[in-house]
Amino acid sequence: MGHSVNHLRMGESCASTGPIAFTQQDLTMVCLPHDGPLVIKLQINSALVGRVLIDGGSSVDILFLSTFKNMGLNRNALRPTCQPLFAFDSTKVSPLGVVTLKVCAAERCLDVDFVIIDSLSSFNVIMGRG
């Protein structure tokens, strides 16, 4: 039995690398001008993860602890970090650690350093400029 959370599904991993980009073909079902949040699905390691928020204003890539656990990942994989995060209201959030995971969109894959935080969110992942 595979691990799942929300729209998370176990699958096979990608092998190629390179930048992740959107093309005109990706915009065929998007009403322009588009000013809403961009929420997509990404393959992260061997899991298809839904509710991934693309936030160009964020300086880090965030994976929430609940998603981390539901992906079947082990806290032993976390590397320590002493870099705090700050919310919009200047509240300090202490990360649990950092983990490098393979992120794939279509046939493109990248190794991404995710900061793991234990916080409630409507999203499973926030992809920033990290």
C-alpha atoms as a PDB file:
ATOM      1  CA  MET A   1       0.000   0.000   0.000  1.00  0.00           C
ATOM      2  CA  GLY A   2       1.418   3.433  -0.977  1.00  0.00           C
ATOM      3  CA  HIS A   3       1.570   6.501   1.200  1.00  0.00           C
ATOM      4  CA  SER A   4      -0.909   9.267   0.468  1.00  0.00           C
ATOM      5  CA  VAL A   5      -1.991  12.711   1.652  1.00  0.00           C
ATOM      6  CA  ASN A   6      -4.607  14.822  -0.074  1.00  0.00           C
ATOM      7  CA  HIS A   7      -3.674  14.433  -3.755  1.00  0.00           C
ATOM      8  CA  LEU A   8      -0.406  12.628  -3.126  1.00  0.00           C
ATOM      9  CA  ARG A   9       0.297   9.447  -5.059  1.00  0.00           C
ATOM     10  CA  MET A  10       3.354   7.225  -5.190  1.00  0.00           C
ATOM     11  CA  GLY A  11       4.845   6.849  -8.680  1.00  0.00           C
ATOM     12  CA  GLU A  12       8.054   6.294 -10.574  1.00  0.00           C
ATOM     13  CA  SER A  13      10.839   8.875 -10.489  1.00  0.00           C
ATOM     14  CA  CYS A  14      12.204  10.990 -13.350  1.00  0.00           C
ATOM     15  CA  ALA A  15      15.767  10.589 -14.564  1.00  0.00           C
ATOM     16  CA  SER A  16      16.486  13.808 -16.513  1.00  0.00           C
ATOM     17  CA  THR A  17      17.597  17.189 -15.172  1.00  0.00           C
ATOM     18  CA  GLY A  18      17.162  20.819 -16.188  1.00  0.00           C
ATOM     19  CA  PRO A  19      15.114  23.939 -15.479  1.00  0.00           C
ATOM     20  CA  ILE A  20      11.365  23.749 -14.932  1.00  0.00           C
ATOM     21  CA  ALA A  21       9.425  26.150 -17.183  1.00  0.00           C
ATOM     22  CA  PHE A  22       5.882  26.722 -18.461  1.00  0.00           C
ATOM     23  CA  THR A  23       5.126  27.037 -22.188  1.00  0.00           C
ATOM     24  CA  GLN A  24       2.312  28.631 -24.186  1.00  0.00           C
ATOM     25  CA  GLN A  25       0.789  25.153 -24.500  1.00  0.00           C
ATOM     26  CA  ASP A  26       0.539  25.006 -20.690  1.00  0.00           C
ATOM     27  CA  LEU A  27      -1.625  28.159 -20.813  1.00  0.00           C
ATOM     28  CA  THR A  28      -4.339  26.742 -23.081  1.00  0.00           C
ATOM     29  CA  MET A  29      -6.855  26.373 -20.217  1.00  0.00           C
ATOM     30  CA  VAL A  30      -5.801  29.536 -18.328  1.00  0.00           C
ATOM     31  CA  CYS A  31      -7.847  32.745 -18.538  1.00  0.00           C
ATOM     32  CA  LEU A  32      -5.520  35.699 -19.073  1.00  0.00           C
ATOM     33  CA  PRO A  33      -4.618  37.972 -17.470  1.00  0.00           C
ATOM     34  CA  HIS A  34      -4.036  35.449 -14.691  1.00  0.00           C
ATOM     35  CA  ASP A  35      -3.735  37.029 -11.251  1.00  0.00           C
ATOM     36  CA  GLY A  36      -4.714  34.129  -8.988  1.00  0.00           C
ATOM     37  CA  PRO A  37      -2.351  31.807  -7.161  1.00  0.00           C
ATOM     38  CA  LEU A  38      -0.559  29.206  -9.249  1.00  0.00           C
ATOM     39  CA  VAL A  39      -1.228  25.798  -7.698  1.00  0.00           C
ATOM     40  CA  ILE A  40       0.127  22.723  -9.484  1.00  0.00           C
ATOM     41  CA  LYS A  41       1.093  19.063  -8.996  1.00  0.00           C
ATOM     42  CA  LEU A  42       4.742  18.038  -8.949  1.00  0.00           C
ATOM     43  CA  GLN A  43       6.511  14.735  -8.674  1.00  0.00           C
ATOM     44  CA  ILE A  44       8.704  14.942  -5.580  1.00  0.00           C
ATOM     45  CA  ASN A  45      10.931  11.896  -5.169  1.00  0.00           C
ATOM     46  CA  SER A  46       8.542   9.046  -5.981  1.00  0.00           C
ATOM     47  CA  ALA A  47       5.309  10.837  -4.969  1.00  0.00           C
ATOM     48  CA  LEU A  48       2.942  12.926  -7.071  1.00  0.00           C
ATOM     49  CA  VAL A  49       2.172  15.848  -4.761  1.00  0.00           C
ATOM     50  CA  GLY A  50      -0.854  18.087  -5.312  1.00  0.00           C
ATOM     51  CA  ARG A  51      -1.566  21.535  -3.895  1.00  0.00           C
ATOM     52  CA  VAL A  52       1.921  22.884  -4.612  1.00  0.00           C
ATOM     53  CA  LEU A  53       1.845  26.687  -4.421  1.00  0.00           C
ATOM     54  CA  ILE A  54       4.265  28.513  -6.713  1.00  0.00           C
ATOM     55  CA  ASP A  55       5.260  31.654  -4.797  1.00  0.00           C
ATOM     56  CA  GLY A  56       7.819  33.803  -6.569  1.00  0.00           C
ATOM     57  CA  GLY A  57       7.900  36.068  -3.508  1.00  0.00           C
ATOM     58  CA  SER A  58       9.183  33.318  -1.226  1.00  0.00           C
ATOM     59  CA  SER A  59      12.935  32.990  -0.809  1.00  0.00           C
ATOM     60  CA  VAL A  60      12.790  29.309   0.239  1.00  0.00           C
ATOM     61  CA  ASP A  61      11.140  26.065  -0.834  1.00  0.00           C
ATOM     62  CA  ILE A  62       8.954  24.745   1.999  1.00  0.00           C
ATOM     63  CA  LEU A  63       7.739  21.197   2.595  1.00  0.00           C
ATOM     64  CA  PHE A  64       5.300  20.865   5.464  1.00  0.00           C
ATOM     65  CA  LEU A  65       5.982  18.162   8.042  1.00  0.00           C
ATOM     66  CA  SER A  66       2.607  16.466   7.475  1.00  0.00           C
ATOM     67  CA  THR A  67       3.417  16.048   3.770  1.00  0.00           C
ATOM     68  CA  PHE A  68       6.976  14.946   4.590  1.00  0.00           C
ATOM     69  CA  LYS A  69       5.594  12.186   6.831  1.00  0.00           C
ATOM     70  CA  ASN A  70       2.878  11.138   4.376  1.00  0.00           C
ATOM     71  CA  MET A  71       5.517  10.757   1.669  1.00  0.00           C
ATOM     72  CA  GLY A  72       7.092   8.083   3.873  1.00  0.00           C
ATOM     73  CA  LEU A  73      10.252  10.124   4.457  1.00  0.00           C
ATOM     74  CA  ASN A  74      12.304   9.714   7.621  1.00  0.00           C
ATOM     75  CA  ARG A  75      13.326  12.571   9.909  1.00  0.00           C
ATOM     76  CA  ASN A  76      16.830  11.060   9.944  1.00  0.00           C
ATOM     77  CA  ALA A  77      17.204  12.420   6.392  1.00  0.00           C
ATOM     78  CA  LEU A  78      16.957  16.009   7.678  1.00  0.00           C
ATOM     79  CA  ARG A  79      20.076  18.153   7.833  1.00  0.00           C
ATOM     80  CA  PRO A  80      20.170  20.745  10.612  1.00  0.00           C
ATOM     81  CA  THR A  81      19.611  24.419   9.855  1.00  0.00           C
ATOM     82  CA  CYS A  82      19.851  27.418  12.119  1.00  0.00           C
ATOM     83  CA  GLN A  83      18.239  29.820   9.644  1.00  0.00           C
ATOM     84  CA  PRO A  84      14.858  30.952  11.008  1.00  0.00           C
ATOM     85  CA  LEU A  85      11.938  31.841   8.753  1.00  0.00           C
ATOM     86  CA  PHE A  86       9.690  34.836   9.295  1.00  0.00           C
ATOM     87  CA  ALA A  87       5.996  34.983   8.425  1.00  0.00           C
ATOM     88  CA  PHE A  88       4.262  38.053   6.988  1.00  0.00           C
ATOM     89  CA  ASP A  89       3.441  39.184  10.531  1.00  0.00           C
ATOM     90  CA  SER A  90       7.141  38.852  11.521  1.00  0.00           C
ATOM     91  CA  THR A  91       6.439  35.712  13.566  1.00  0.00           C
ATOM     92  CA  LYS A  92       9.570  33.555  13.792  1.00  0.00           C
ATOM     93  CA  VAL A  93       9.228  29.967  12.550  1.00  0.00           C
ATOM     94  CA  SER A  94      11.958  27.484  13.452  1.00  0.00           C
ATOM     95  CA  PRO A  95      12.571  24.902  10.698  1.00  0.00           C
ATOM     96  CA  LEU A  96      12.996  21.257  11.673  1.00  0.00           C
ATOM     97  CA  GLY A  97      15.741  20.842   9.082  1.00  0.00           C
ATOM     98  CA  VAL A  98      16.530  20.733   5.377  1.00  0.00           C
ATOM     99  CA  VAL A  99      16.217  17.812   2.973  1.00  0.00           C
ATOM    100  CA  THR A 100      17.228  17.539  -0.699  1.00  0.00           C
ATOM    101  CA  LEU A 101      14.587  15.875  -2.881  1.00  0.00           C
ATOM    102  CA  LYS A 102      14.258  15.330  -6.634  1.00  0.00           C
ATOM    103  CA  VAL A 103      11.453  17.462  -8.106  1.00  0.00           C
ATOM    104  CA  CYS A 104      10.098  16.603 -11.564  1.00  0.00           C
ATOM    105  CA  ALA A 105       7.709  18.435 -13.864  1.00  0.00           C
ATOM    106  CA  ALA A 106       7.038  16.656 -17.147  1.00  0.00           C
ATOM    107  CA  GLU A 107      10.449  15.295 -18.193  1.00  0.00           C
ATOM    108  CA  ARG A 108      12.521  17.901 -16.289  1.00  0.00           C
ATOM    109  CA  CYS A 109      13.987  17.144 -12.849  1.00  0.00           C
ATOM    110  CA  LEU A 110      15.932  19.198 -10.316  1.00  0.00           C
ATOM    111  CA  ASP A 111      17.391  18.518  -6.884  1.00  0.00           C
ATOM    112  CA  VAL A 112      15.693  20.961  -4.506  1.00  0.00           C
ATOM    113  CA  ASP A 113      16.595  21.808  -0.904  1.00  0.00           C
ATOM    114  CA  PHE A 114      13.335  21.923   1.057  1.00  0.00           C
ATOM    115  CA  VAL A 115      13.026  23.554   4.465  1.00  0.00           C
ATOM    116  CA  ILE A 116      10.763  21.382   6.639  1.00  0.00           C
ATOM    117  CA  ILE A 117       8.378  23.202   8.978  1.00  0.00           C
ATOM    118  CA  ASP A 118       5.715  21.919  11.357  1.00  0.00           C
ATOM    119  CA  SER A 119       2.836  24.259  10.577  1.00  0.00           C
ATOM    120  CA  LEU A 120      -0.711  24.050   9.253  1.00  0.00           C
ATOM    121  CA  SER A 121      -1.218  25.039   5.623  1.00  0.00           C
ATOM    122  CA  SER A 122      -3.747  24.749   2.817  1.00  0.00           C
ATOM    123  CA  PHE A 123      -0.829  23.624   0.657  1.00  0.00           C
ATOM    124  CA  ASN A 124       1.487  20.618   0.782  1.00  0.00           C
ATOM    125  CA  VAL A 125       4.492  22.507  -0.603  1.00  0.00           C
ATOM    126  CA  ILE A 126       5.437  26.112  -1.293  1.00  0.00           C
ATOM    127  CA  MET A 127       7.930  26.461  -4.137  1.00  0.00           C
ATOM    128  CA  GLY A 128       9.737  29.786  -4.001  1.00  0.00           C
ATOM    129  CA  ARG A 129      12.844  31.251  -5.542  1.00  0.00           C
ATOM    130  CA  GLY A 130      14.972  28.901  -3.391  1.00  0.00           C
END
